[in-house]
Protein backbone atom coordinates (compact mmCIF):
# COMPACT_ATOMS: atom_id res chain seq x y z
CA MET A 1 190.52 68.03 44.46
CA VAL A 2 187.14 68.97 43.07
CA THR A 3 186.95 71.32 40.17
CA ASP A 4 184.44 74.06 39.38
CA THR A 5 183.31 72.06 36.30
CA GLN A 6 182.57 69.09 38.43
CA VAL A 7 180.50 71.06 40.87
CA ARG A 8 178.60 72.76 37.96
CA ARG A 9 177.97 69.37 36.47
CA LEU A 10 176.74 68.11 39.92
CA MET A 11 174.29 70.96 40.19
CA LYS A 12 172.85 70.06 36.75
CA LEU A 13 172.66 66.43 37.40
CA MET A 14 170.84 66.90 40.77
CA LYS A 15 167.90 68.20 38.71
CA THR A 16 167.51 65.02 36.79
CA GLU A 17 168.98 62.21 38.91
CA LYS A 18 166.88 60.52 41.71
CA THR A 19 169.59 60.57 44.32
CA LEU A 20 172.55 62.80 45.28
CA ALA A 21 174.83 59.66 45.31
CA ARG A 22 174.04 58.98 41.62
CA ALA A 23 174.53 62.64 40.66
CA ALA A 24 177.76 62.65 42.61
CA ALA A 25 179.06 59.49 40.97
CA LYS A 26 178.35 60.89 37.48
CA ALA A 27 180.01 64.12 38.38
CA GLY A 28 183.11 62.24 39.57
CA MET A 29 183.08 62.94 43.31
CA ASP A 30 182.11 61.44 46.60
CA GLU A 31 178.63 61.75 47.98
CA LYS A 32 179.91 63.51 51.11
CA THR A 33 181.80 66.03 48.87
CA ALA A 34 178.69 66.51 46.84
CA ARG A 35 176.63 67.25 49.91
CA LYS A 36 179.16 69.86 51.00
CA TYR A 37 178.98 71.69 47.66
CA ARG A 38 175.14 71.34 47.46
CA ASP A 39 174.86 73.04 50.85
CA LEU A 40 177.44 75.74 50.19
CA GLY A 41 175.89 76.58 46.82
CA ARG A 42 179.19 77.82 45.33
CA VAL A 43 182.09 76.48 43.37
CA PRO A 44 185.48 75.78 44.99
CA SER A 45 187.23 78.68 43.26
CA VAL A 46 185.20 81.24 45.36
CA SER A 47 187.44 81.92 48.18
CA SER A 48 186.29 81.79 51.69
CA ALA A 49 187.44 85.50 52.20
CA CYS A 50 185.01 86.45 49.46
CA ALA A 51 182.21 84.46 51.09
CA GLU A 52 182.91 86.00 54.50
CA ARG A 53 182.78 89.46 52.83
CA VAL A 54 179.40 88.76 51.28
CA ALA A 55 178.22 87.36 54.63
CA SER A 56 179.32 90.63 56.43
CA VAL A 57 177.73 92.80 53.77
CA SER A 58 174.58 90.81 54.09
CA TRP A 59 174.42 91.27 57.84
CA ALA A 60 174.77 95.04 57.49
CA PHE A 61 172.04 95.16 54.89
CA LYS A 62 169.75 93.38 57.31
CA ALA A 63 170.86 95.79 60.17
CA PHE A 64 170.01 98.84 58.09
CA GLY A 65 166.86 97.48 56.70
CA LEU A 66 168.09 97.18 53.02
CA VAL A 67 166.99 93.57 52.62
CA GLY A 68 165.45 94.08 49.16
CA VAL A 69 168.62 95.70 47.76
CA SER A 70 170.85 93.48 45.58
CA LEU A 71 174.40 92.85 46.56
CA ALA A 72 175.38 92.78 42.89
CA TYR A 73 175.61 96.60 42.89
CA PHE A 74 178.45 96.49 45.38
CA PHE A 75 180.61 93.66 43.96
């Protein structure tokens, strides 16, 4: 199980390390797991339900032409 702290450390290490494999090793996780969280762009504690909610709201914003409005006002 990967913790939020490990993922945050991975994100920080990716800026300085040459490879994802090295950053993942220093953060204490497998390279495949590191790739997953790099692509997700969020920590494990964020539930999938929350992510789905943001995605649905994002779709609605695009549909109604509110692309420049920040979602932070609604959460």
